[in-house]
Amino acid sequence: MTGAAGFIGSHLCARLLAAGDIVLGIDALTEFYDPALKVRNLHTLRPHPAFTFHCADLLETDLTPLLADAEVVYHLAGQPGVRPSWGTEFELYVRRNLLATQVLLEALLNRHRSRPLRKLVHTSSSSVYGDAPTFPTPETALPKPVSPYGVTKLAAEHLCELYRSSHGLPSVSLRLFSVYGPRQRPDMAFARLIAAARTGEPFPLYGDGEQTRDFTYVDDVVTALRNAARSGFTGVANLGGGSPVSMKHAVATVEQLIGPVTVQRNPVGPGEARHTGADIALATRAFGYRPRTELHDGLTAMAQCAATEGPIPSAPAPPHLLAARRGGRP
C-alpha cells in the first residue's frame, strides 16, 4: 500500500491486518502536514507481525522488490489539497499525483507480465467532477475539474484506465467524496472544526456555509476499498456518504457534541465546488458498497479520538526530506 501512514491509509492498513492480510506499507512521510502525525499513525501498525513499513518516495525507489509478492496494490499516495494546488505548487502535484502513479503502473506492468496482479485499487477524488451539472452525480457525468488538484487526479485515473485497456492491468479508481473520521488530516474541515470547538480558536469557513458536501466516513471507505479489491470489478466508481449536508449543518452538529464554535467567514477561493453528491449505485452493484455511518456518529467518533489521542511523537525527518532541505531532489 502506498500512502500507508496517512489518514485513510493507516485505517486501511489496520482493517487489512485485522482481516488476516499481510501488508507492506510505503510512505514518503512528506511535509504537506507534520510528518510526526503520520509516525503516530504507524505506532499501532508497526508491532503487528504481518506489517512491514518502508519510508520511500515512489519516484526515487526501485519498486520491483517491493511489489514482487503483492497480490493487490492499494495506491493512496499523493499530494492532497485543492487550495494549495495553484501556482508554483502545481509542479509538486504533477510529480506526486501523476508521475508517481505512472512509475507505479510501469513497475506493476512489468511484474504483471510474469505474475498476474489481482487488482490495483487507486484512490481518486470527487474533485474530478468540479461543479457537476447533476446531483447525485453518476460516473457517466463529464469530469470538469475546477482546480489543478482535480486535474492531476483525473489524469492519474486516465493513466490507470490506459494501462488497464491497453495492457490488461486490472485496476479500479474510486472517486472518494469528502472522507472524514478519526486521525483526519489537520488541514481538513472537520479536523479544524473540532479543534476550534475544543480550543476556542476561530474556525475559518469559506463561503456562506450553504455549500454541501457528501461526507463519507473513513470506516465505510476502507471497507469499500477492500471489497473492490476482492471483486471482479474494474473501471471507475464513486464512494460517497449517501446524504450530502451543508457546512452550516456540520458546524451545528459539532457545537452540539463539543460546544460553541466561533466562525470566521472567508471568501470562497478558486477551485471550490459549490456542491458535491455521489451516485453510488454502481459501487453498490459492483462490490456491495453501502455507507453505514451517519454524520452525527462519525463526528462523535472524531471528537472522542481528538480528546484522547496522545502527544505527537518527535521524529527525525526522513533522509529524502533532509536532502531536499539541503538542495537535493525533493
C-alpha atoms as a PDB file:
ATOM      1  CA  MET A   1       0.000   0.000   0.000  1.00  0.00           C
ATOM      2  CA  THR A   2       1.297   3.421  -0.927  1.00  0.00           C
ATOM      3  CA  GLY A   3       0.434   6.277   1.425  1.00  0.00           C
ATOM      4  CA  ALA A   4       0.212   3.784   4.284  1.00  0.00           C
ATOM      5  CA  ALA A   5       0.957   6.287   7.048  1.00  0.00           C
ATOM      6  CA  GLY A   6      -1.707   8.787   6.028  1.00  0.00           C
ATOM      7  CA  PHE A   7      -5.244   9.303   7.284  1.00  0.00           C
ATOM      8  CA  ILE A   8      -7.056   6.787   5.080  1.00  0.00           C
ATOM      9  CA  GLY A   9      -4.004   4.595   4.528  1.00  0.00           C
ATOM     10  CA  SER A  10      -3.424   3.894   8.212  1.00  0.00           C
ATOM     11  CA  HIS A  11      -7.087   2.977   8.683  1.00  0.00           C
ATOM     12  CA  LEU A  12      -6.939   0.672   5.671  1.00  0.00           C
ATOM     13  CA  CYS A  13      -3.755  -0.992   6.942  1.00  0.00           C
ATOM     14  CA  ALA A  14      -5.454  -1.720  10.256  1.00  0.00           C
ATOM     15  CA  ARG A  15      -8.512  -3.168   8.504  1.00  0.00           C
ATOM     16  CA  LEU A  16      -6.409  -5.407   6.248  1.00  0.00           C
ATOM     17  CA  LEU A  17      -4.308  -6.677   9.153  1.00  0.00           C
ATOM     18  CA  ALA A  18      -7.440  -7.424  11.181  1.00  0.00           C
ATOM     19  CA  ALA A  19      -8.734  -9.439   8.219  1.00  0.00           C
ATOM     20  CA  GLY A  20      -5.562 -11.562   8.196  1.00  0.00           C
ATOM     21  CA  ASP A  21      -3.802  -9.931   5.249  1.00  0.00           C
ATOM     22  CA  ILE A  22      -0.044  -9.366   5.054  1.00  0.00           C
ATOM     23  CA  VAL A  23       0.637  -5.673   4.441  1.00  0.00           C
ATOM     24  CA  LEU A  24       3.713  -3.915   3.086  1.00  0.00           C
ATOM     25  CA  GLY A  25       3.277  -0.186   3.585  1.00  0.00           C
ATOM     26  CA  ILE A  26       5.135   2.526   1.666  1.00  0.00           C
ATOM     27  CA  ASP A  27       5.057   6.211   2.569  1.00  0.00           C
ATOM     28  CA  ALA A  28       7.403   9.129   1.881  1.00  0.00           C
ATOM     29  CA  LEU A  29       6.260  10.983   5.047  1.00  0.00           C
ATOM     30  CA  THR A  30       6.130  14.226   3.090  1.00  0.00           C
ATOM     31  CA  GLU A  31       5.673  17.586   4.792  1.00  0.00           C
ATOM     32  CA  PHE A  32       2.261  18.668   3.476  1.00  0.00           C
ATOM     33  CA  TYR A  33       1.383  18.350   7.158  1.00  0.00           C
ATOM     34  CA  ASP A  34       3.505  17.381  10.160  1.00  0.00           C
ATOM     35  CA  PRO A  35       5.206  14.021   9.381  1.00  0.00           C
ATOM     36  CA  ALA A  36       5.139  13.250  13.111  1.00  0.00           C
ATOM     37  CA  LEU A  37       1.362  12.774  12.820  1.00  0.00           C
ATOM     38  CA  LYS A  38       1.993  10.061  10.241  1.00  0.00           C
ATOM     39  CA  VAL A  39       4.591   8.484  12.511  1.00  0.00           C
ATOM     40  CA  ARG A  40       1.927   8.390  15.227  1.00  0.00           C
ATOM     41  CA  ASN A  41      -0.448   6.699  12.798  1.00  0.00           C
ATOM     42  CA  LEU A  42       2.159   3.970  12.341  1.00  0.00           C
ATOM     43  CA  HIS A  43       2.616   3.277  16.053  1.00  0.00           C
ATOM     44  CA  THR A  44      -0.218   0.759  16.318  1.00  0.00           C
ATOM     45  CA  LEU A  45       0.713  -0.868  13.000  1.00  0.00           C
ATOM     46  CA  ARG A  46       4.440  -1.444  13.449  1.00  0.00           C
ATOM     47  CA  PRO A  47       4.179  -4.090  16.206  1.00  0.00           C
ATOM     48  CA  HIS A  48       1.938  -6.296  14.053  1.00  0.00           C
ATOM     49  CA  PRO A  49       3.921  -9.294  12.736  1.00  0.00           C
ATOM     50  CA  ALA A  50       2.172  -9.097   9.346  1.00  0.00           C
ATOM     51  CA  PHE A  51       3.085  -5.429   8.768  1.00  0.00           C
ATOM     52  CA  THR A  52       6.264  -4.093   7.156  1.00  0.00           C
ATOM     53  CA  PHE A  53       6.946  -0.417   6.532  1.00  0.00           C
ATOM     54  CA  HIS A  54       9.253   1.265   4.013  1.00  0.00           C
ATOM     55  CA  CYS A  55       9.853   5.021   4.120  1.00  0.00           C
ATOM     56  CA  ALA A  56      10.295   5.717   0.411  1.00  0.00           C
ATOM     57  CA  ASP A  57       9.420   8.102  -2.425  1.00  0.00           C
ATOM     58  CA  LEU A  58       7.868   6.204  -5.337  1.00  0.00           C
ATOM     59  CA  LEU A  59       9.898   8.288  -7.790  1.00  0.00           C
ATOM     60  CA  GLU A  60      13.200   7.602  -6.011  1.00  0.00           C
ATOM     61  CA  THR A  61      12.824   3.902  -5.213  1.00  0.00           C
ATOM     62  CA  ASP A  62      13.314   0.595  -7.002  1.00  0.00           C
ATOM     63  CA  LEU A  63       9.775  -0.745  -6.694  1.00  0.00           C
ATOM     64  CA  THR A  64      10.497  -4.178  -8.194  1.00  0.00           C
ATOM     65  CA  PRO A  65      11.421  -5.971  -4.935  1.00  0.00           C
ATOM     66  CA  LEU A  66       8.640  -4.241  -3.016  1.00  0.00           C
ATOM     67  CA  LEU A  67       5.996  -5.428  -5.480  1.00  0.00           C
ATOM     68  CA  ALA A  68       7.366  -8.932  -6.013  1.00  0.00           C
ATOM     69  CA  ASP A  69       4.914 -10.735  -3.712  1.00  0.00           C
ATOM     70  CA  ALA A  70       1.950  -8.359  -3.936  1.00  0.00           C
ATOM     71  CA  GLU A  71      -1.428  -9.786  -4.920  1.00  0.00           C
ATOM     72  CA  VAL A  72      -3.252  -6.465  -4.517  1.00  0.00           C
ATOM     73  CA  VAL A  73      -1.805  -2.947  -4.579  1.00  0.00           C
ATOM     74  CA  TYR A  74      -3.650  -0.055  -2.941  1.00  0.00           C
ATOM     75  CA  HIS A  75      -2.389   3.275  -4.283  1.00  0.00           C
ATOM     76  CA  LEU A  76      -3.280   6.020  -1.809  1.00  0.00           C
ATOM     77  CA  ALA A  77      -0.114   8.128  -2.023  1.00  0.00           C
ATOM     78  CA  GLY A  78      -0.385  11.614  -3.469  1.00  0.00           C
ATOM     79  CA  GLN A  79      -0.388  15.349  -2.840  1.00  0.00           C
ATOM     80  CA  PRO A  80      -3.752  16.409  -1.373  1.00  0.00           C
ATOM     81  CA  GLY A  81      -5.470  19.775  -1.143  1.00  0.00           C
ATOM     82  CA  VAL A  82      -7.439  21.939  -3.573  1.00  0.00           C
ATOM     83  CA  ARG A  83      -6.409  25.420  -2.423  1.00  0.00           C
ATOM     84  CA  PRO A  84      -2.616  24.913  -2.428  1.00  0.00           C
ATOM     85  CA  SER A  85      -2.540  23.342  -5.905  1.00  0.00           C
ATOM     86  CA  TRP A  86      -2.406  26.643  -7.818  1.00  0.00           C
ATOM     87  CA  GLY A  87       0.705  28.481  -8.970  1.00  0.00           C
ATOM     88  CA  THR A  88       4.197  27.134  -8.452  1.00  0.00           C
ATOM     89  CA  GLU A  89       2.921  24.255  -6.284  1.00  0.00           C
ATOM     90  CA  PHE A  90       1.349  22.619  -9.346  1.00  0.00           C
ATOM     91  CA  GLU A  91       4.664  21.021 -10.257  1.00  0.00           C
ATOM     92  CA  LEU A  92       4.618  19.152  -6.953  1.00  0.00           C
ATOM     93  CA  TYR A  93       1.056  17.951  -7.603  1.00  0.00           C
ATOM     94  CA  VAL A  94       2.057  16.677 -11.033  1.00  0.00           C
ATOM     95  CA  ARG A  95       5.031  14.885  -9.513  1.00  0.00           C
ATOM     96  CA  ARG A  96       3.210  13.221  -6.637  1.00  0.00           C
ATOM     97  CA  ASN A  97      -0.209  12.555  -8.196  1.00  0.00           C
ATOM     98  CA  LEU A  98       0.619  11.864 -11.826  1.00  0.00           C
ATOM     99  CA  LEU A  99       4.287  10.962 -12.299  1.00  0.00           C
ATOM    100  CA  ALA A 100       4.346   8.748  -9.202  1.00  0.00           C
ATOM    101  CA  THR A 101       1.259   6.912 -10.491  1.00  0.00           C
ATOM    102  CA  GLN A 102       2.882   6.361 -13.894  1.00  0.00           C
ATOM    103  CA  VAL A 103       6.049   4.956 -12.298  1.00  0.00           C
ATOM    104  CA  LEU A 104       3.964   2.605 -10.157  1.00  0.00           C
ATOM    105  CA  LEU A 105       1.945   1.466 -13.178  1.00  0.00           C
ATOM    106  CA  GLU A 106       5.108   0.692 -15.142  1.00  0.00           C
ATOM    107  CA  ALA A 107       6.534  -1.324 -12.271  1.00  0.00           C
ATOM    108  CA  LEU A 108       3.242  -3.189 -11.870  1.00  0.00           C
ATOM    109  CA  LEU A 109       3.043  -3.897 -15.598  1.00  0.00           C
ATOM    110  CA  ASN A 110       6.497  -5.469 -15.589  1.00  0.00           C
ATOM    111  CA  ARG A 111       5.506  -7.595 -12.613  1.00  0.00           C
ATOM    112  CA  HIS A 112       2.081  -8.458 -14.125  1.00  0.00           C
ATOM    113  CA  ARG A 113       3.676  -9.946 -17.251  1.00  0.00           C
ATOM    114  CA  SER A 114       5.413 -12.643 -15.227  1.00  0.00           C
ATOM    115  CA  ARG A 115       2.998 -12.966 -12.310  1.00  0.00           C
ATOM    116  CA  PRO A 116      -0.524 -11.575 -12.785  1.00  0.00           C
ATOM    117  CA  LEU A 117      -1.726  -8.975 -10.304  1.00  0.00           C
ATOM    118  CA  ARG A 118      -5.189  -9.469  -8.833  1.00  0.00           C
ATOM    119  CA  LYS A 119      -6.028  -5.761  -8.622  1.00  0.00           C
ATOM    120  CA  LEU A 120      -4.684  -2.224  -8.396  1.00  0.00           C
ATOM    121  CA  VAL A 121      -7.011  -0.051  -6.300  1.00  0.00           C
ATOM    122  CA  HIS A 122      -6.336   3.626  -6.981  1.00  0.00           C
ATOM    123  CA  THR A 123      -7.930   6.337  -4.844  1.00  0.00           C
ATOM    124  CA  SER A 124      -9.203   9.218  -6.925  1.00  0.00           C
ATOM    125  CA  SER A 125     -11.327  12.172  -5.819  1.00  0.00           C
ATOM    126  CA  SER A 126     -14.713  13.794  -6.289  1.00  0.00           C
ATOM    127  CA  SER A 127     -12.685  16.865  -7.318  1.00  0.00           C
ATOM    128  CA  VAL A 128     -12.538  15.413 -10.832  1.00  0.00           C
ATOM    129  CA  TYR A 129     -16.204  16.446 -11.303  1.00  0.00           C
ATOM    130  CA  GLY A 130     -15.814  20.135 -10.433  1.00  0.00           C
ATOM    131  CA  ASP A 131     -19.223  21.822 -10.455  1.00  0.00           C
ATOM    132  CA  ALA A 132     -21.196  18.829 -11.634  1.00  0.00           C
ATOM    133  CA  PRO A 133     -24.414  19.525 -13.577  1.00  0.00           C
ATOM    134  CA  THR A 134     -26.490  16.881 -11.749  1.00  0.00           C
ATOM    135  CA  PHE A 135     -26.809  15.539  -8.188  1.00  0.00           C
ATOM    136  CA  PRO A 136     -26.288  12.864  -7.207  1.00  0.00           C
ATOM    137  CA  THR A 137     -23.511  12.709  -9.784  1.00  0.00           C
ATOM    138  CA  PRO A 138     -23.016   9.452 -11.695  1.00  0.00           C
ATOM    139  CA  GLU A 139     -19.724   8.244 -13.123  1.00  0.00           C
ATOM    140  CA  THR A 140     -21.079   8.956 -16.622  1.00  0.00           C
ATOM    141  CA  ALA A 141     -21.038  12.717 -15.930  1.00  0.00           C
ATOM    142  CA  LEU A 142     -18.350  14.536 -17.887  1.00  0.00           C
ATOM    143  CA  PRO A 143     -15.495  15.362 -15.470  1.00  0.00           C
ATOM    144  CA  LYS A 144     -14.675  19.082 -15.420  1.00  0.00           C
ATOM    145  CA  PRO A 145     -12.198  19.780 -12.610  1.00  0.00           C
ATOM    146  CA  VAL A 146     -12.148  23.343 -11.287  1.00  0.00           C
ATOM    147  CA  SER A 147      -8.786  23.008  -9.526  1.00  0.00           C
ATOM    148  CA  PRO A 148      -5.284  21.934 -10.585  1.00  0.00           C
ATOM    149  CA  TYR A 149      -5.503  19.228  -7.919  1.00  0.00           C
ATOM    150  CA  GLY A 150      -8.585  17.807  -9.635  1.00  0.00           C
ATOM    151  CA  VAL A 151      -6.786  17.896 -12.978  1.00  0.00           C
ATOM    152  CA  THR A 152      -3.939  15.741 -11.657  1.00  0.00           C
ATOM    153  CA  LYS A 153      -6.317  13.241 -10.038  1.00  0.00           C
ATOM    154  CA  LEU A 154      -8.291  12.894 -13.268  1.00  0.00           C
ATOM    155  CA  ALA A 155      -5.087  12.448 -15.266  1.00  0.00           C
ATOM    156  CA  ALA A 156      -3.962   9.698 -12.891  1.00  0.00           C
ATOM    157  CA  GLU A 157      -7.337   7.991 -13.385  1.00  0.00           C
ATOM    158  CA  HIS A 158      -6.837   8.122 -17.153  1.00  0.00           C
ATOM    159  CA  LEU A 159      -3.399   6.547 -16.788  1.00  0.00           C
ATOM    160  CA  CYS A 160      -4.847   3.660 -14.799  1.00  0.00           C
ATOM    161  CA  GLU A 161      -7.516   3.178 -17.460  1.00  0.00           C
ATOM    162  CA  LEU A 162      -4.907   3.246 -20.233  1.00  0.00           C
ATOM    163  CA  TYR A 163      -2.817   0.545 -18.586  1.00  0.00           C
ATOM    164  CA  ARG A 164      -5.973  -1.489 -17.998  1.00  0.00           C
ATOM    165  CA  SER A 165      -7.355  -1.224 -21.530  1.00  0.00           C
ATOM    166  CA  SER A 166      -4.041  -1.404 -23.393  1.00  0.00           C
ATOM    167  CA  HIS A 167      -2.066  -3.840 -21.249  1.00  0.00           C
ATOM    168  CA  GLY A 168      -4.648  -5.742 -19.235  1.00  0.00           C
ATOM    169  CA  LEU A 169      -3.510  -4.426 -15.851  1.00  0.00           C
ATOM    170  CA  PRO A 170      -6.627  -4.853 -13.672  1.00  0.00           C
ATOM    171  CA  SER A 171      -7.418  -1.612 -11.869  1.00  0.00           C
ATOM    172  CA  VAL A 172     -10.223   0.284 -10.220  1.00  0.00           C
ATOM    173  CA  SER A 173     -10.224   4.011  -9.499  1.00  0.00           C
ATOM    174  CA  LEU A 174     -12.524   5.012  -6.663  1.00  0.00           C
ATOM    175  CA  ARG A 175     -13.659   8.631  -6.514  1.00  0.00           C
ATOM    176  CA  LEU A 176     -13.758   9.464  -2.825  1.00  0.00           C
ATOM    177  CA  PHE A 177     -16.158  12.145  -1.572  1.00  0.00           C
ATOM    178  CA  SER A 178     -15.022  14.205   1.471  1.00  0.00           C
ATOM    179  CA  VAL A 179     -13.681  11.436   3.689  1.00  0.00           C
ATOM    180  CA  TYR A 180     -13.658  12.168   7.436  1.00  0.00           C
ATOM    181  CA  GLY A 181     -13.072  10.318  10.682  1.00  0.00           C
ATOM    182  CA  PRO A 182     -10.527   9.880  13.495  1.00  0.00           C
ATOM    183  CA  ARG A 183      -6.975  10.939  12.575  1.00  0.00           C
ATOM    184  CA  GLN A 184      -8.216  13.109   9.700  1.00  0.00           C
ATOM    185  CA  ARG A 185      -5.545  15.390   8.244  1.00  0.00           C
ATOM    186  CA  PRO A 186      -5.275  18.592  10.308  1.00  0.00           C
ATOM    187  CA  ASP A 187      -5.844  20.809   7.262  1.00  0.00           C
ATOM    188  CA  MET A 188      -9.261  19.293   6.524  1.00  0.00           C
ATOM    189  CA  ALA A 189     -12.513  20.993   7.509  1.00  0.00           C
ATOM    190  CA  PHE A 190     -13.783  18.641  10.206  1.00  0.00           C
ATOM    191  CA  ALA A 191     -10.397  18.362  11.930  1.00  0.00           C
ATOM    192  CA  ARG A 192     -10.188  22.174  12.044  1.00  0.00           C
ATOM    193  CA  LEU A 193     -13.814  22.437  13.143  1.00  0.00           C
ATOM    194  CA  ILE A 194     -13.385  20.049  16.067  1.00  0.00           C
ATOM    195  CA  ALA A 195     -10.121  21.737  17.070  1.00  0.00           C
ATOM    196  CA  ALA A 196     -11.898  25.114  17.042  1.00  0.00           C
ATOM    197  CA  ALA A 197     -14.686  23.810  19.269  1.00  0.00           C
ATOM    198  CA  ARG A 198     -12.171  22.379  21.740  1.00  0.00           C
ATOM    199  CA  THR A 199      -9.766  25.326  21.877  1.00  0.00           C
ATOM    200  CA  GLY A 200     -11.959  28.361  21.235  1.00  0.00           C
ATOM    201  CA  GLU A 201      -9.876  29.359  18.243  1.00  0.00           C
ATOM    202  CA  PRO A 202     -11.912  30.633  15.259  1.00  0.00           C
ATOM    203  CA  PHE A 203     -12.967  28.193  12.563  1.00  0.00           C
ATOM    204  CA  PRO A 204     -12.344  29.576   9.046  1.00  0.00           C
ATOM    205  CA  LEU A 205     -15.465  28.982   6.969  1.00  0.00           C
ATOM    206  CA  TYR A 206     -15.055  29.593   3.257  1.00  0.00           C
ATOM    207  CA  GLY A 207     -18.285  30.847   1.739  1.00  0.00           C
ATOM    208  CA  ASP A 208     -21.753  31.257   3.216  1.00  0.00           C
ATOM    209  CA  GLY A 209     -21.975  27.794   4.787  1.00  0.00           C
ATOM    210  CA  GLU A 210     -24.745  26.684   2.434  1.00  0.00           C
ATOM    211  CA  GLN A 211     -22.314  24.718   0.287  1.00  0.00           C
ATOM    212  CA  THR A 212     -22.869  20.973   0.630  1.00  0.00           C
ATOM    213  CA  ARG A 213     -20.515  18.010   0.728  1.00  0.00           C
ATOM    214  CA  ASP A 214     -21.164  14.285   0.553  1.00  0.00           C
ATOM    215  CA  PHE A 215     -19.223  13.462   3.719  1.00  0.00           C
ATOM    216  CA  THR A 216     -18.068   9.832   3.820  1.00  0.00           C
ATOM    217  CA  TYR A 217     -16.881   8.088   6.978  1.00  0.00           C
ATOM    218  CA  VAL A 218     -13.443   6.520   6.795  1.00  0.00           C
ATOM    219  CA  ASP A 219     -14.541   3.070   8.019  1.00  0.00           C
ATOM    220  CA  ASP A 220     -17.084   2.874   5.188  1.00  0.00           C
ATOM    221  CA  VAL A 221     -14.358   3.856   2.723  1.00  0.00           C
ATOM    222  CA  VAL A 222     -11.804   1.265   3.837  1.00  0.00           C
ATOM    223  CA  THR A 223     -14.449  -1.459   3.756  1.00  0.00           C
ATOM    224  CA  ALA A 224     -15.225  -0.467   0.180  1.00  0.00           C
ATOM    225  CA  LEU A 225     -11.553  -0.389  -0.826  1.00  0.00           C
ATOM    226  CA  ARG A 226     -11.011  -3.961   0.331  1.00  0.00           C
ATOM    227  CA  ASN A 227     -14.280  -5.174  -1.190  1.00  0.00           C
ATOM    228  CA  ALA A 228     -13.387  -3.551  -4.517  1.00  0.00           C
ATOM    229  CA  ALA A 229     -10.012  -5.307  -4.461  1.00  0.00           C
ATOM    230  CA  ARG A 230     -11.690  -8.672  -3.896  1.00  0.00           C
ATOM    231  CA  SER A 231     -14.347  -8.134  -6.572  1.00  0.00           C
ATOM    232  CA  GLY A 232     -14.152  -8.662 -10.309  1.00  0.00           C
ATOM    233  CA  PHE A 233     -14.971  -5.014 -10.982  1.00  0.00           C
ATOM    234  CA  THR A 234     -12.579  -2.796 -12.937  1.00  0.00           C
ATOM    235  CA  GLY A 235     -13.048   0.804 -14.013  1.00  0.00           C
ATOM    236  CA  VAL A 236     -14.213   3.882 -12.108  1.00  0.00           C
ATOM    237  CA  ALA A 237     -16.744   4.146  -9.266  1.00  0.00           C
ATOM    238  CA  ASN A 238     -17.932   6.745  -6.743  1.00  0.00           C
ATOM    239  CA  LEU A 239     -17.687   6.326  -2.970  1.00  0.00           C
ATOM    240  CA  GLY A 240     -19.901   8.824  -1.154  1.00  0.00           C
ATOM    241  CA  GLY A 241     -21.697   9.031   2.150  1.00  0.00           C
ATOM    242  CA  GLY A 242     -25.137   8.944   0.597  1.00  0.00           C
ATOM    243  CA  SER A 243     -26.585  12.125   2.139  1.00  0.00           C
ATOM    244  CA  PRO A 244     -24.858  15.462   1.425  1.00  0.00           C
ATOM    245  CA  VAL A 245     -25.152  18.104   4.148  1.00  0.00           C
ATOM    246  CA  SER A 246     -24.278  21.787   4.366  1.00  0.00           C
ATOM    247  CA  MET A 247     -21.294  23.151   6.257  1.00  0.00           C
ATOM    248  CA  LYS A 248     -23.748  25.075   8.458  1.00  0.00           C
ATOM    249  CA  HIS A 249     -25.287  21.766   9.486  1.00  0.00           C
ATOM    250  CA  ALA A 250     -21.840  20.305  10.182  1.00  0.00           C
ATOM    251  CA  VAL A 251     -20.917  23.277  12.386  1.00  0.00           C
ATOM    252  CA  ALA A 252     -24.181  22.919  14.311  1.00  0.00           C
ATOM    253  CA  THR A 253     -23.546  19.202  14.846  1.00  0.00           C
ATOM    254  CA  VAL A 254     -20.084  19.824  16.286  1.00  0.00           C
ATOM    255  CA  GLU A 255     -21.499  22.535  18.562  1.00  0.00           C
ATOM    256  CA  GLN A 256     -24.000  20.008  19.905  1.00  0.00           C
ATOM    257  CA  LEU A 257     -21.216  17.498  20.559  1.00  0.00           C
ATOM    258  CA  ILE A 258     -18.492  19.754  21.983  1.00  0.00           C
ATOM    259  CA  GLY A 259     -19.533  23.370  22.416  1.00  0.00           C
ATOM    260  CA  PRO A 260     -19.763  26.759  20.685  1.00  0.00           C
ATOM    261  CA  VAL A 261     -17.692  27.451  17.581  1.00  0.00           C
ATOM    262  CA  THR A 262     -16.514  30.922  16.600  1.00  0.00           C
ATOM    263  CA  VAL A 263     -16.920  31.068  12.833  1.00  0.00           C
ATOM    264  CA  GLN A 264     -14.557  33.270  10.839  1.00  0.00           C
ATOM    265  CA  ARG A 265     -16.049  33.865   7.406  1.00  0.00           C
ATOM    266  CA  ASN A 266     -13.774  33.952   4.374  1.00  0.00           C
ATOM    267  CA  PRO A 267     -14.465  34.332   0.652  1.00  0.00           C
ATOM    268  CA  VAL A 268     -14.605  31.188  -1.435  1.00  0.00           C
ATOM    269  CA  GLY A 269     -11.290  30.560  -3.152  1.00  0.00           C
ATOM    270  CA  PRO A 270     -10.792  29.366  -6.719  1.00  0.00           C
ATOM    271  CA  GLY A 271     -11.282  25.655  -7.299  1.00  0.00           C
ATOM    272  CA  GLU A 272     -14.003  25.103  -4.680  1.00  0.00           C
ATOM    273  CA  ALA A 273     -17.081  23.275  -5.947  1.00  0.00           C
ATOM    274  CA  ARG A 274     -20.390  24.610  -4.591  1.00  0.00           C
ATOM    275  CA  HIS A 275     -21.970  21.186  -4.073  1.00  0.00           C
ATOM    276  CA  THR A 276     -20.881  17.550  -4.250  1.00  0.00           C
ATOM    277  CA  GLY A 277     -23.014  14.445  -4.135  1.00  0.00           C
ATOM    278  CA  ALA A 278     -22.246  10.896  -5.246  1.00  0.00           C
ATOM    279  CA  ASP A 279     -24.452   8.494  -7.127  1.00  0.00           C
ATOM    280  CA  ILE A 280     -23.238   5.243  -5.530  1.00  0.00           C
ATOM    281  CA  ALA A 281     -25.443   2.813  -7.453  1.00  0.00           C
ATOM    282  CA  LEU A 282     -22.514   1.428  -9.459  1.00  0.00           C
ATOM    283  CA  ALA A 283     -20.391   0.713  -6.359  1.00  0.00           C
ATOM    284  CA  THR A 284     -23.386  -0.924  -4.698  1.00  0.00           C
ATOM    285  CA  ARG A 285     -23.937  -3.233  -7.650  1.00  0.00           C
ATOM    286  CA  ALA A 286     -20.267  -3.944  -8.311  1.00  0.00           C
ATOM    287  CA  PHE A 287     -18.943  -4.693  -4.824  1.00  0.00           C
ATOM    288  CA  GLY A 288     -21.774  -4.232  -2.362  1.00  0.00           C
ATOM    289  CA  TYR A 289     -20.934  -0.724  -1.181  1.00  0.00           C
ATOM    290  CA  ARG A 290     -23.347   0.626   1.430  1.00  0.00           C
ATOM    291  CA  PRO A 291     -22.299   3.559   3.636  1.00  0.00           C
ATOM    292  CA  ARG A 292     -23.477   2.819   7.165  1.00  0.00           C
ATOM    293  CA  THR A 293     -22.206   5.701   9.309  1.00  0.00           C
ATOM    294  CA  GLU A 294     -24.387   8.753   9.954  1.00  0.00           C
ATOM    295  CA  LEU A 295     -22.679  12.141  10.187  1.00  0.00           C
ATOM    296  CA  HIS A 296     -23.514  12.542  13.898  1.00  0.00           C
ATOM    297  CA  ASP A 297     -21.967   9.175  14.755  1.00  0.00           C
ATOM    298  CA  GLY A 298     -18.877   9.827  12.651  1.00  0.00           C
ATOM    299  CA  LEU A 299     -18.286  13.241  14.177  1.00  0.00           C
ATOM    300  CA  THR A 300     -18.800  11.761  17.641  1.00  0.00           C
ATOM    301  CA  ALA A 301     -16.015   9.254  16.956  1.00  0.00           C
ATOM    302  CA  MET A 302     -13.765  12.064  15.705  1.00  0.00           C
ATOM    303  CA  ALA A 303     -14.431  14.176  18.796  1.00  0.00           C
ATOM    304  CA  GLN A 304     -13.728  11.257  21.132  1.00  0.00           C
ATOM    305  CA  CYS A 305     -10.469  10.476  19.336  1.00  0.00           C
ATOM    306  CA  ALA A 306      -9.364  14.122  19.476  1.00  0.00           C
ATOM    307  CA  ALA A 307      -9.999  14.182  23.217  1.00  0.00           C
ATOM    308  CA  THR A 308      -7.980  11.033  23.954  1.00  0.00           C
ATOM    309  CA  GLU A 309      -5.123  10.912  21.437  1.00  0.00           C
ATOM    310  CA  GLY A 310      -1.662  11.235  22.936  1.00  0.00           C
ATOM    311  CA  PRO A 311       1.080  13.758  22.206  1.00  0.00           C
ATOM    312  CA  ILE A 312       2.679  13.918  18.788  1.00  0.00           C
ATOM    313  CA  PRO A 313       5.929  11.922  18.873  1.00  0.00           C
ATOM    314  CA  SER A 314       9.159  13.630  17.966  1.00  0.00           C
ATOM    315  CA  ALA A 315      10.703  12.038  14.909  1.00  0.00           C
ATOM    316  CA  PRO A 316      13.638  12.904  12.665  1.00  0.00           C
ATOM    317  CA  ALA A 317      12.816  13.861   9.112  1.00  0.00           C
ATOM    318  CA  PRO A 318      13.282  11.061   6.570  1.00  0.00           C
ATOM    319  CA  PRO A 319      16.556  11.176   4.597  1.00  0.00           C
ATOM    320  CA  HIS A 320      14.889  12.268   1.336  1.00  0.00           C
ATOM    321  CA  LEU A 321      13.366  15.292   3.101  1.00  0.00           C
ATOM    322  CA  LEU A 322      16.698  16.230   4.623  1.00  0.00           C
ATOM    323  CA  ALA A 323      18.243  16.035   1.152  1.00  0.00           C
ATOM    324  CA  ALA A 324      15.526  18.304  -0.214  1.00  0.00           C
ATOM    325  CA  ARG A 325      16.209  20.887   2.501  1.00  0.00           C
ATOM    326  CA  ARG A 326      19.893  20.827   1.564  1.00  0.00           C
ATOM    327  CA  GLY A 327      19.003  21.485  -2.071  1.00  0.00           C
ATOM    328  CA  GLY A 328      18.793  17.900  -3.287  1.00  0.00           C
ATOM    329  CA  ARG A 329      15.901  16.347  -5.160  1.00  0.00           C
ATOM    330  CA  PRO A 330      12.532  16.524  -3.323  1.00  0.00           C
END
